[in-house]
Amino acid sequence: MGLAMAYVSSTGRAARGGAAFAISNFQRSYLTWTLASIAMVLALMTPALWNGFPLIFPDTGGYLDRPVLGTLGMGRSALYGLFLYADVRLSFWPNAVLQSALTA
């Protein structure tokens, strides 16, 4: 209880003291999570940025065939194939960024 009281009183003192750059705990937390999320997306995108192209695996063609041929394949999601096929013209960059952001 003593630590909580000291924390509250020091926060109150800083807020009342009129510090020019005082930010609330919520703003600090929000800023921290935003910067951490951006760092995580960049970390996940590092291999693609290093190579100059998002990584493609040998089974990517199987996913891309589903929306083009209109068939279903064993173990191949038609929705994921459509997701990939939508960004073929953009060299899969939006897919890589979106998947990195969802993972982060």
PDB file of N, CA and C in Angstrom:
ATOM      1  N   MET A   1       0.828  -1.181   0.000  1.00  0.00           N
ATOM      2  CA  MET A   1       0.000   0.000   0.000  1.00  0.00           C
ATOM      3  C   MET A   1       0.874   1.247   0.000  1.00  0.00           C
ATOM      4  N   GLY A   2       1.993   1.197   0.693  1.00  0.00           N
ATOM      5  CA  GLY A   2       2.872   2.356   0.752  1.00  0.00           C
ATOM      6  C   GLY A   2       3.431   2.729  -0.610  1.00  0.00           C
ATOM      7  N   LEU A   3       3.771   1.726  -1.411  1.00  0.00           N
ATOM      8  CA  LEU A   3       4.293   2.008  -2.750  1.00  0.00           C
ATOM      9  C   LEU A   3       3.234   2.632  -3.643  1.00  0.00           C
ATOM     10  N   ALA A   4       2.017   2.154  -3.528  1.00  0.00           N
ATOM     11  CA  ALA A   4       0.940   2.698  -4.350  1.00  0.00           C
ATOM     12  C   ALA A   4       0.697   4.161  -3.990  1.00  0.00           C
ATOM     13  N   MET A   5       0.723   4.463  -2.725  1.00  0.00           N
ATOM     14  CA  MET A   5       0.495   5.840  -2.299  1.00  0.00           C
ATOM     15  C   MET A   5       1.615   6.749  -2.778  1.00  0.00           C
ATOM     16  N   ALA A   6       2.851   6.262  -2.715  1.00  0.00           N
ATOM     17  CA  ALA A   6       3.974   7.083  -3.171  1.00  0.00           C
ATOM     18  C   ALA A   6       3.861   7.333  -4.667  1.00  0.00           C
ATOM     19  N   TYR A   7       3.425   6.324  -5.419  1.00  0.00           N
ATOM     20  CA  TYR A   7       3.299   6.453  -6.867  1.00  0.00           C
ATOM     21  C   TYR A   7       2.213   7.470  -7.215  1.00  0.00           C
ATOM     22  N   VAL A   8       1.086   7.386  -6.528  1.00  0.00           N
ATOM     23  CA  VAL A   8      -0.016   8.302  -6.790  1.00  0.00           C
ATOM     24  C   VAL A   8       0.387   9.719  -6.431  1.00  0.00           C
ATOM     25  N   SER A   9       1.037   9.871  -5.287  1.00  0.00           N
ATOM     26  CA  SER A   9       1.383  11.225  -4.868  1.00  0.00           C
ATOM     27  C   SER A   9       2.451  11.827  -5.778  1.00  0.00           C
ATOM     28  N   SER A  10       3.405  11.023  -6.259  1.00  0.00           N
ATOM     29  CA  SER A  10       4.420  11.592  -7.147  1.00  0.00           C
ATOM     30  C   SER A  10       3.813  11.939  -8.494  1.00  0.00           C
ATOM     31  N   THR A  11       2.843  11.146  -8.954  1.00  0.00           N
ATOM     32  CA  THR A  11       2.172  11.461 -10.211  1.00  0.00           C
ATOM     33  C   THR A  11       1.372  12.745 -10.054  1.00  0.00           C
ATOM     34  N   GLY A  12       0.675  12.872  -8.929  1.00  0.00           N
ATOM     35  CA  GLY A  12      -0.102  14.076  -8.677  1.00  0.00           C
ATOM     36  C   GLY A  12       0.793  15.299  -8.592  1.00  0.00           C
ATOM     37  N   ARG A  13       1.937  15.168  -7.941  1.00  0.00           N
ATOM     38  CA  ARG A  13       2.869  16.277  -7.818  1.00  0.00           C
ATOM     39  C   ARG A  13       3.386  16.701  -9.185  1.00  0.00           C
ATOM     40  N   ALA A  14       3.710  15.726 -10.050  1.00  0.00           N
ATOM     41  CA  ALA A  14       4.234  16.056 -11.369  1.00  0.00           C
ATOM     42  C   ALA A  14       3.171  16.752 -12.203  1.00  0.00           C
ATOM     43  N   ALA A  15       1.923  16.313 -12.069  1.00  0.00           N
ATOM     44  CA  ALA A  15       0.853  16.914 -12.852  1.00  0.00           C
ATOM     45  C   ALA A  15       0.566  18.338 -12.364  1.00  0.00           C
ATOM     46  N   ARG A  16       0.615  18.557 -11.042  1.00  0.00           N
ATOM     47  CA  ARG A  16       0.353  19.886 -10.504  1.00  0.00           C
ATOM     48  C   ARG A  16       1.544  20.811 -10.636  1.00  0.00           C
ATOM     49  N   GLY A  17       2.737  20.226 -10.760  1.00  0.00           N
ATOM     50  CA  GLY A  17       3.948  21.031 -10.817  1.00  0.00           C
ATOM     51  C   GLY A  17       4.054  21.842 -12.093  1.00  0.00           C
ATOM     52  N   GLY A  18       3.239  21.525 -13.105  1.00  0.00           N
ATOM     53  CA  GLY A  18       3.249  22.310 -14.327  1.00  0.00           C
ATOM     54  C   GLY A  18       4.416  21.967 -15.233  1.00  0.00           C
ATOM     55  N   ALA A  19       4.906  20.737 -15.184  1.00  0.00           N
ATOM     56  CA  ALA A  19       5.994  20.357 -16.075  1.00  0.00           C
ATOM     57  C   ALA A  19       5.508  20.464 -17.514  1.00  0.00           C
ATOM     58  N   ALA A  20       6.309  21.058 -18.376  1.00  0.00           N
ATOM     59  CA  ALA A  20       5.911  21.337 -19.749  1.00  0.00           C
ATOM     60  C   ALA A  20       5.684  20.064 -20.553  1.00  0.00           C
ATOM     61  N   PHE A  21       6.443  19.014 -20.252  1.00  0.00           N
ATOM     62  CA  PHE A  21       6.351  17.795 -21.056  1.00  0.00           C
ATOM     63  C   PHE A  21       5.742  16.633 -20.295  1.00  0.00           C
ATOM     64  N   ALA A  22       4.954  16.936 -19.293  1.00  0.00           N
ATOM     65  CA  ALA A  22       4.328  15.866 -18.518  1.00  0.00           C
ATOM     66  C   ALA A  22       3.211  15.244 -19.346  1.00  0.00           C
ATOM     67  N   ILE A  23       3.248  13.917 -19.453  1.00  0.00           N
ATOM     68  CA  ILE A  23       2.183  13.214 -20.155  1.00  0.00           C
ATOM     69  C   ILE A  23       1.553  12.225 -19.185  1.00  0.00           C
ATOM     70  N   SER A  24       0.305  11.938 -19.425  1.00  0.00           N
ATOM     71  CA  SER A  24      -0.396  11.032 -18.524  1.00  0.00           C
ATOM     72  C   SER A  24       0.099   9.604 -18.722  1.00  0.00           C
ATOM     73  N   ASN A  25      -0.217   8.753 -17.763  1.00  0.00           N
ATOM     74  CA  ASN A  25       0.171   7.347 -17.855  1.00  0.00           C
ATOM     75  C   ASN A  25      -0.487   6.675 -19.048  1.00  0.00           C
ATOM     76  N   PHE A  26      -1.733   7.057 -19.352  1.00  0.00           N
ATOM     77  CA  PHE A  26      -2.427   6.490 -20.504  1.00  0.00           C
ATOM     78  C   PHE A  26      -1.699   6.848 -21.792  1.00  0.00           C
ATOM     79  N   GLN A  27      -1.316   8.116 -21.936  1.00  0.00           N
ATOM     80  CA  GLN A  27      -0.608   8.546 -23.139  1.00  0.00           C
ATOM     81  C   GLN A  27       0.743   7.847 -23.251  1.00  0.00           C
ATOM     82  N   ARG A  28       1.432   7.708 -22.139  1.00  0.00           N
ATOM     83  CA  ARG A  28       2.733   7.040 -22.137  1.00  0.00           C
ATOM     84  C   ARG A  28       2.568   5.573 -22.533  1.00  0.00           C
ATOM     85  N   SER A  29       1.551   4.919 -21.994  1.00  0.00           N
ATOM     86  CA  SER A  29       1.280   3.527 -22.314  1.00  0.00           C
ATOM     87  C   SER A  29       0.907   3.370 -23.786  1.00  0.00           C
ATOM     88  N   TYR A  30       0.055   4.239 -24.285  1.00  0.00           N
ATOM     89  CA  TYR A  30      -0.369   4.202 -25.685  1.00  0.00           C
ATOM     90  C   TYR A  30       0.825   4.417 -26.612  1.00  0.00           C
ATOM     91  N   LEU A  31       1.656   5.392 -26.293  1.00  0.00           N
ATOM     92  CA  LEU A  31       2.843   5.665 -27.096  1.00  0.00           C
ATOM     93  C   LEU A  31       3.808   4.485 -27.066  1.00  0.00           C
ATOM     94  N   THR A  32       3.989   3.884 -25.919  1.00  0.00           N
ATOM     95  CA  THR A  32       4.871   2.727 -25.787  1.00  0.00           C
ATOM     96  C   THR A  32       4.380   1.572 -26.631  1.00  0.00           C
ATOM     97  N   TRP A  33       3.079   1.270 -26.557  1.00  0.00           N
ATOM     98  CA  TRP A  33       2.528   0.161 -27.344  1.00  0.00           C
ATOM     99  C   TRP A  33       2.577   0.453 -28.834  1.00  0.00           C
ATOM    100  N   THR A  34       2.355   1.689 -29.225  1.00  0.00           N
ATOM    101  CA  THR A  34       2.417   2.047 -30.638  1.00  0.00           C
ATOM    102  C   THR A  34       3.829   1.859 -31.175  1.00  0.00           C
ATOM    103  N   LEU A  35       4.815   2.371 -30.451  1.00  0.00           N
ATOM    104  CA  LEU A  35       6.208   2.230 -30.893  1.00  0.00           C
ATOM    105  C   LEU A  35       6.652   0.772 -30.871  1.00  0.00           C
ATOM    106  N   ALA A  36       6.219   0.011 -29.880  1.00  0.00           N
ATOM    107  CA  ALA A  36       6.554  -1.409 -29.812  1.00  0.00           C
ATOM    108  C   ALA A  36       5.927  -2.178 -30.970  1.00  0.00           C
ATOM    109  N   SER A  37       4.693  -1.831 -31.325  1.00  0.00           N
ATOM    110  CA  SER A  37       4.024  -2.495 -32.447  1.00  0.00           C
ATOM    111  C   SER A  37       4.727  -2.204 -33.768  1.00  0.00           C
ATOM    112  N   ILE A  38       5.129  -0.971 -33.966  1.00  0.00           N
ATOM    113  CA  ILE A  38       5.862  -0.613 -35.180  1.00  0.00           C
ATOM    114  C   ILE A  38       7.189  -1.353 -35.231  1.00  0.00           C
ATOM    115  N   ALA A  39       7.873  -1.442 -34.100  1.00  0.00           N
ATOM    116  CA  ALA A  39       9.146  -2.170 -34.047  1.00  0.00           C
ATOM    117  C   ALA A  39       8.951  -3.653 -34.349  1.00  0.00           C
ATOM    118  N   MET A  40       7.846  -4.242 -33.838  1.00  0.00           N
ATOM    119  CA  MET A  40       7.585  -5.662 -34.103  1.00  0.00           C
ATOM    120  C   MET A  40       7.291  -5.911 -35.579  1.00  0.00           C
ATOM    121  N   VAL A  41       6.510  -5.030 -36.203  1.00  0.00           N
ATOM    122  CA  VAL A  41       6.207  -5.185 -37.632  1.00  0.00           C
ATOM    123  C   VAL A  41       7.496  -5.061 -38.444  1.00  0.00           C
ATOM    124  N   LEU A  42       8.332  -4.093 -38.102  1.00  0.00           N
ATOM    125  CA  LEU A  42       9.609  -3.944 -38.818  1.00  0.00           C
ATOM    126  C   LEU A  42      10.510  -5.153 -38.613  1.00  0.00           C
ATOM    127  N   ALA A  43      10.502  -5.716 -37.414  1.00  0.00           N
ATOM    128  CA  ALA A  43      11.313  -6.911 -37.158  1.00  0.00           C
ATOM    129  C   ALA A  43      10.824  -8.085 -37.989  1.00  0.00           C
ATOM    130  N   LEU A  44       9.503  -8.244 -38.094  1.00  0.00           N
ATOM    131  CA  LEU A  44       8.953  -9.338 -38.893  1.00  0.00           C
ATOM    132  C   LEU A  44       9.152  -9.104 -40.393  1.00  0.00           C
ATOM    133  N   MET A  45       9.235  -7.839 -40.799  1.00  0.00           N
ATOM    134  CA  MET A  45       9.429  -7.516 -42.214  1.00  0.00           C
ATOM    135  C   MET A  45      10.900  -7.479 -42.625  1.00  0.00           C
ATOM    136  N   THR A  46      11.814  -7.603 -41.668  1.00  0.00           N
ATOM    137  CA  THR A  46      13.238  -7.495 -41.955  1.00  0.00           C
ATOM    138  C   THR A  46      13.714  -8.448 -43.057  1.00  0.00           C
ATOM    139  N   PRO A  47      13.346  -9.744 -43.042  1.00  0.00           N
ATOM    140  CA  PRO A  47      13.805 -10.619 -44.131  1.00  0.00           C
ATOM    141  C   PRO A  47      13.320 -10.162 -45.504  1.00  0.00           C
ATOM    142  N   ALA A  48      12.079  -9.721 -45.590  1.00  0.00           N
ATOM    143  CA  ALA A  48      11.546  -9.261 -46.871  1.00  0.00           C
ATOM    144  C   ALA A  48      12.242  -7.983 -47.312  1.00  0.00           C
ATOM    145  N   LEU A  49      12.478  -7.073 -46.387  1.00  0.00           N
ATOM    146  CA  LEU A  49      13.173  -5.834 -46.728  1.00  0.00           C
ATOM    147  C   LEU A  49      14.618  -6.108 -47.128  1.00  0.00           C
ATOM    148  N   TRP A  50      15.248  -7.050 -46.451  1.00  0.00           N
ATOM    149  CA  TRP A  50      16.631  -7.420 -46.756  1.00  0.00           C
ATOM    150  C   TRP A  50      16.737  -8.017 -48.156  1.00  0.00           C
ATOM    151  N   ASN A  51      15.785  -8.912 -48.489  1.00  0.00           N
ATOM    152  CA  ASN A  51      15.795  -9.565 -49.799  1.00  0.00           C
ATOM    153  C   ASN A  51      15.280  -8.667 -50.915  1.00  0.00           C
ATOM    154  N   GLY A  52      14.498  -7.662 -50.567  1.00  0.00           N
ATOM    155  CA  GLY A  52      13.890  -6.819 -51.576  1.00  0.00           C
ATOM    156  C   GLY A  52      12.603  -7.413 -52.122  1.00  0.00           C
ATOM    157  N   PHE A  53      12.142  -8.509 -51.536  1.00  0.00           N
ATOM    158  CA  PHE A  53      10.914  -9.170 -51.980  1.00  0.00           C
ATOM    159  C   PHE A  53      10.403 -10.027 -50.832  1.00  0.00           C
ATOM    160  N   PRO A  54       9.087 -10.041 -50.598  1.00  0.00           N
ATOM    161  CA  PRO A  54       8.550 -10.908 -49.549  1.00  0.00           C
ATOM    162  C   PRO A  54       8.860 -12.373 -49.835  1.00  0.00           C
ATOM    163  N   LEU A  55       9.085 -13.122 -48.785  1.00  0.00           N
ATOM    164  CA  LEU A  55       9.421 -14.534 -48.935  1.00  0.00           C
ATOM    165  C   LEU A  55       8.241 -15.314 -49.504  1.00  0.00           C
ATOM    166  N   ILE A  56       8.547 -16.179 -50.452  1.00  0.00           N
ATOM    167  CA  ILE A  56       7.530 -17.037 -51.060  1.00  0.00           C
ATOM    168  C   ILE A  56       7.992 -18.465 -50.871  1.00  0.00           C
ATOM    169  N   PHE A  57       7.071 -19.322 -50.518  1.00  0.00           N
ATOM    170  CA  PHE A  57       7.388 -20.719 -50.287  1.00  0.00           C
ATOM    171  C   PHE A  57       6.939 -21.560 -51.477  1.00  0.00           C
ATOM    172  N   PRO A  58       7.470 -22.774 -51.622  1.00  0.00           N
ATOM    173  CA  PRO A  58       7.128 -23.610 -52.780  1.00  0.00           C
ATOM    174  C   PRO A  58       5.635 -23.905 -52.928  1.00  0.00           C
ATOM    175  N   ASP A  59       4.879 -23.891 -51.829  1.00  0.00           N
ATOM    176  CA  ASP A  59       3.455 -24.201 -51.940  1.00  0.00           C
ATOM    177  C   ASP A  59       2.587 -22.987 -52.256  1.00  0.00           C
ATOM    178  N   THR A  60       3.197 -21.812 -52.456  1.00  0.00           N
ATOM    179  CA  THR A  60       2.420 -20.607 -52.759  1.00  0.00           C
ATOM    180  C   THR A  60       1.620 -20.767 -54.046  1.00  0.00           C
ATOM    181  N   GLY A  61       2.208 -21.436 -55.039  1.00  0.00           N
ATOM    182  CA  GLY A  61       1.502 -21.660 -56.303  1.00  0.00           C
ATOM    183  C   GLY A  61       0.224 -22.451 -56.117  1.00  0.00           C
ATOM    184  N   GLY A  62       0.228 -23.395 -55.186  1.00  0.00           N
ATOM    185  CA  GLY A  62      -0.980 -24.171 -54.896  1.00  0.00           C
ATOM    186  C   GLY A  62      -2.103 -23.301 -54.361  1.00  0.00           C
ATOM    187  N   TYR A  63      -1.749 -22.299 -53.569  1.00  0.00           N
ATOM    188  CA  TYR A  63      -2.755 -21.373 -53.059  1.00  0.00           C
ATOM    189  C   TYR A  63      -3.242 -20.440 -54.157  1.00  0.00           C
ATOM    190  N   LEU A  64      -2.337 -20.004 -55.032  1.00  0.00           N
ATOM    191  CA  LEU A  64      -2.715 -19.088 -56.106  1.00  0.00           C
ATOM    192  C   LEU A  64      -3.578 -19.765 -57.170  1.00  0.00           C
ATOM    193  N   ASP A  65      -3.456 -21.068 -57.319  1.00  0.00           N
ATOM    194  CA  ASP A  65      -4.268 -21.802 -58.298  1.00  0.00           C
ATOM    195  C   ASP A  65      -5.744 -21.838 -57.915  1.00  0.00           C
ATOM    196  N   ARG A  66      -6.056 -21.855 -56.631  1.00  0.00           N
ATOM    197  CA  ARG A  66      -7.443 -22.025 -56.185  1.00  0.00           C
ATOM    198  C   ARG A  66      -8.377 -20.960 -56.762  1.00  0.00           C
ATOM    199  N   PRO A  67      -8.110 -19.668 -56.632  1.00  0.00           N
ATOM    200  CA  PRO A  67      -9.065 -18.692 -57.179  1.00  0.00           C
ATOM    201  C   PRO A  67      -9.046 -18.647 -58.708  1.00  0.00           C
ATOM    202  N   VAL A  68      -7.913 -18.926 -59.332  1.00  0.00           N
ATOM    203  CA  VAL A  68      -7.807 -18.868 -60.794  1.00  0.00           C
ATOM    204  C   VAL A  68      -8.566 -20.020 -61.432  1.00  0.00           C
ATOM    205  N   LEU A  69      -8.347 -21.236 -60.947  1.00  0.00           N
ATOM    206  CA  LEU A  69      -8.987 -22.417 -61.531  1.00  0.00           C
ATOM    207  C   LEU A  69     -10.386 -22.667 -60.981  1.00  0.00           C
ATOM    208  N   GLY A  70     -10.700 -22.068 -59.860  1.00  0.00           N
ATOM    209  CA  GLY A  70     -12.010 -22.250 -59.255  1.00  0.00           C
ATOM    210  C   GLY A  70     -12.210 -23.639 -58.679  1.00  0.00           C
ATOM    211  N   THR A  71     -11.136 -24.265 -58.259  1.00  0.00           N
ATOM    212  CA  THR A  71     -11.219 -25.602 -57.670  1.00  0.00           C
ATOM    213  C   THR A  71     -10.717 -25.558 -56.240  1.00  0.00           C
ATOM    214  N   LEU A  72     -11.012 -26.612 -55.523  1.00  0.00           N
ATOM    215  CA  LEU A  72     -10.491 -26.748 -54.176  1.00  0.00           C
ATOM    216  C   LEU A  72      -9.407 -27.808 -54.186  1.00  0.00           C
ATOM    217  N   GLY A  73      -8.345 -27.566 -53.475  1.00  0.00           N
ATOM    218  CA  GLY A  73      -7.254 -28.526 -53.377  1.00  0.00           C
ATOM    219  C   GLY A  73      -7.118 -29.008 -51.952  1.00  0.00           C
ATOM    220  N   MET A  74      -6.581 -30.193 -51.800  1.00  0.00           N
ATOM    221  CA  MET A  74      -6.406 -30.763 -50.477  1.00  0.00           C
ATOM    222  C   MET A  74      -5.429 -29.904 -49.665  1.00  0.00           C
ATOM    223  N   GLY A  75      -5.874 -29.368 -48.563  1.00  0.00           N
ATOM    224  CA  GLY A  75      -5.018 -28.585 -47.683  1.00  0.00           C
ATOM    225  C   GLY A  75      -4.738 -27.177 -48.170  1.00  0.00           C
ATOM    226  N   ARG A  76      -5.444 -26.712 -49.178  1.00  0.00           N
ATOM    227  CA  ARG A  76      -5.228 -25.365 -49.708  1.00  0.00           C
ATOM    228  C   ARG A  76      -6.489 -24.530 -49.519  1.00  0.00           C
ATOM    229  N   SER A  77      -6.368 -23.448 -48.795  1.00  0.00           N
ATOM    230  CA  SER A  77      -7.506 -22.578 -48.530  1.00  0.00           C
ATOM    231  C   SER A  77      -7.775 -21.681 -49.731  1.00  0.00           C
ATOM    232  N   ALA A  78      -9.013 -21.696 -50.204  1.00  0.00           N
ATOM    233  CA  ALA A  78      -9.396 -20.833 -51.318  1.00  0.00           C
ATOM    234  C   ALA A  78      -9.387 -19.364 -50.887  1.00  0.00           C
ATOM    235  N   LEU A  79      -9.769 -19.089 -49.643  1.00  0.00           N
ATOM    236  CA  LEU A  79      -9.775 -17.704 -49.163  1.00  0.00           C
ATOM    237  C   LEU A  79      -8.362 -17.138 -49.054  1.00  0.00           C
ATOM    238  N   TYR A  80      -7.428 -17.945 -48.578  1.00  0.00           N
ATOM    239  CA  TYR A  80      -6.041 -17.475 -48.503  1.00  0.00           C
ATOM    240  C   TYR A  80      -5.476 -17.280 -49.913  1.00  0.00           C
ATOM    241  N   GLY A  81      -5.861 -18.145 -50.831  1.00  0.00           N
ATOM    242  CA  GLY A  81      -5.451 -17.981 -52.223  1.00  0.00           C
ATOM    243  C   GLY A  81      -5.975 -16.685 -52.802  1.00  0.00           C
ATOM    244  N   LEU A  82      -7.223 -16.339 -52.495  1.00  0.00           N
ATOM    245  CA  LEU A  82      -7.796 -15.076 -52.957  1.00  0.00           C
ATOM    246  C   LEU A  82      -7.065 -13.896 -52.324  1.00  0.00           C
ATOM    247  N   PHE A  83      -6.726 -14.028 -51.058  1.00  0.00           N
ATOM    248  CA  PHE A  83      -5.965 -12.993 -50.352  1.00  0.00           C
ATOM    249  C   PHE A  83      -4.617 -12.760 -51.041  1.00  0.00           C
ATOM    250  N   LEU A  84      -3.932 -13.837 -51.413  1.00  0.00           N
ATOM    251  CA  LEU A  84      -2.658 -13.696 -52.109  1.00  0.00           C
ATOM    252  C   LEU A  84      -2.846 -13.157 -53.521  1.00  0.00           C
ATOM    253  N   TYR A  85      -3.856 -13.674 -54.219  1.00  0.00           N
ATOM    254  CA  TYR A  85      -4.085 -13.303 -55.606  1.00  0.00           C
ATOM    255  C   TYR A  85      -4.430 -11.824 -55.751  1.00  0.00           C
ATOM    256  N   ALA A  86      -5.064 -11.240 -54.746  1.00  0.00           N
ATOM    257  CA  ALA A  86      -5.462  -9.832 -54.797  1.00  0.00           C
ATOM    258  C   ALA A  86      -4.260  -8.896 -54.894  1.00  0.00           C
ATOM    259  N   ASP A  87      -3.107  -9.319 -54.404  1.00  0.00           N
ATOM    260  CA  ASP A  87      -1.937  -8.438 -54.382  1.00  0.00           C
ATOM    261  C   ASP A  87      -0.787  -8.946 -55.241  1.00  0.00           C
ATOM    262  N   VAL A  88      -1.075  -9.780 -56.222  1.00  0.00           N
ATOM    263  CA  VAL A  88      -0.015 -10.270 -57.104  1.00  0.00           C
ATOM    264  C   VAL A  88       0.642  -9.109 -57.836  1.00  0.00           C
ATOM    265  N   ARG A  89      -0.152  -8.152 -58.278  1.00  0.00           N
ATOM    266  CA  ARG A  89       0.396  -7.004 -59.030  1.00  0.00           C
ATOM    267  C   ARG A  89       1.293  -6.123 -58.169  1.00  0.00           C
ATOM    268  N   LEU A  90       1.094  -6.153 -56.860  1.00  0.00           N
ATOM    269  CA  LEU A  90       1.913  -5.343 -55.953  1.00  0.00           C
ATOM    270  C   LEU A  90       3.043  -6.170 -55.334  1.00  0.00           C
ATOM    271  N   SER A  91       3.353  -7.298 -55.941  1.00  0.00           N
ATOM    272  CA  SER A  91       4.463  -8.169 -55.524  1.00  0.00           C
ATOM    273  C   SER A  91       4.331  -8.677 -54.091  1.00  0.00           C
ATOM    274  N   PHE A  92       3.128  -8.869 -53.625  1.00  0.00           N
ATOM    275  CA  PHE A  92       2.845  -9.444 -52.305  1.00  0.00           C
ATOM    276  C   PHE A  92       3.252  -8.558 -51.122  1.00  0.00           C
ATOM    277  N   TRP A  93       3.651  -7.322 -51.344  1.00  0.00           N
ATOM    278  CA  TRP A  93       4.043  -6.455 -50.232  1.00  0.00           C
ATOM    279  C   TRP A  93       2.889  -6.172 -49.271  1.00  0.00           C
ATOM    280  N   PRO A  94       1.684  -5.826 -49.765  1.00  0.00           N
ATOM    281  CA  PRO A  94       0.588  -5.592 -48.807  1.00  0.00           C
ATOM    282  C   PRO A  94       0.273  -6.840 -47.975  1.00  0.00           C
ATOM    283  N   ASN A  95       0.370  -8.022 -48.602  1.00  0.00           N
ATOM    284  CA  ASN A  95       0.135  -9.260 -47.859  1.00  0.00           C
ATOM    285  C   ASN A  95       1.152  -9.423 -46.729  1.00  0.00           C
ATOM    286  N   ALA A  96       2.400  -9.183 -47.042  1.00  0.00           N
ATOM    287  CA  ALA A  96       3.455  -9.343 -46.041  1.00  0.00           C
ATOM    288  C   ALA A  96       3.294  -8.352 -44.885  1.00  0.00           C
ATOM    289  N   VAL A  97       2.958  -7.112 -45.217  1.00  0.00           N
ATOM    290  CA  VAL A  97       2.776  -6.090 -44.180  1.00  0.00           C
ATOM    291  C   VAL A  97       1.560  -6.421 -43.318  1.00  0.00           C
ATOM    292  N   LEU A  98       0.460  -6.812 -43.948  1.00  0.00           N
ATOM    293  CA  LEU A  98      -0.743  -7.150 -43.188  1.00  0.00           C
ATOM    294  C   LEU A  98      -0.531  -8.360 -42.297  1.00  0.00           C
ATOM    295  N   GLN A  99       0.124  -9.385 -42.812  1.00  0.00           N
ATOM    296  CA  GLN A  99       0.381 -10.556 -41.988  1.00  0.00           C
ATOM    297  C   GLN A  99       1.332 -10.239 -40.842  1.00  0.00           C
ATOM    298  N   SER A 100       2.317  -9.393 -41.080  1.00  0.00           N
ATOM    299  CA  SER A 100       3.223  -8.970 -40.007  1.00  0.00           C
ATOM    300  C   SER A 100       2.473  -8.192 -38.935  1.00  0.00           C
ATOM    301  N   ALA A 101       1.598  -7.298 -39.372  1.00  0.00           N
ATOM    302  CA  ALA A 101       0.826  -6.488 -38.415  1.00  0.00           C
ATOM    303  C   ALA A 101      -0.124  -7.373 -37.602  1.00  0.00           C
ATOM    304  N   LEU A 102      -0.769  -8.333 -38.252  1.00  0.00           N
ATOM    305  CA  LEU A 102      -1.671  -9.226 -37.520  1.00  0.00           C
ATOM    306  C   LEU A 102      -0.896 -10.103 -36.530  1.00  0.00           C
ATOM    307  N   THR A 103       0.290 -10.514 -36.903  1.00  0.00           N
ATOM    308  CA  THR A 103       1.112 -11.335 -36.007  1.00  0.00           C
ATOM    309  C   THR A 103       1.591 -10.492 -34.821  1.00  0.00           C
ATOM    310  N   ALA A 104       1.990  -9.260 -35.094  1.00  0.00           N
ATOM    311  CA  ALA A 104       2.464  -8.392 -34.011  1.00  0.00           C
ATOM    312  C   ALA A 104       1.321  -8.048 -33.090  1.00  0.00           C
TER     313      ALA A 104
END
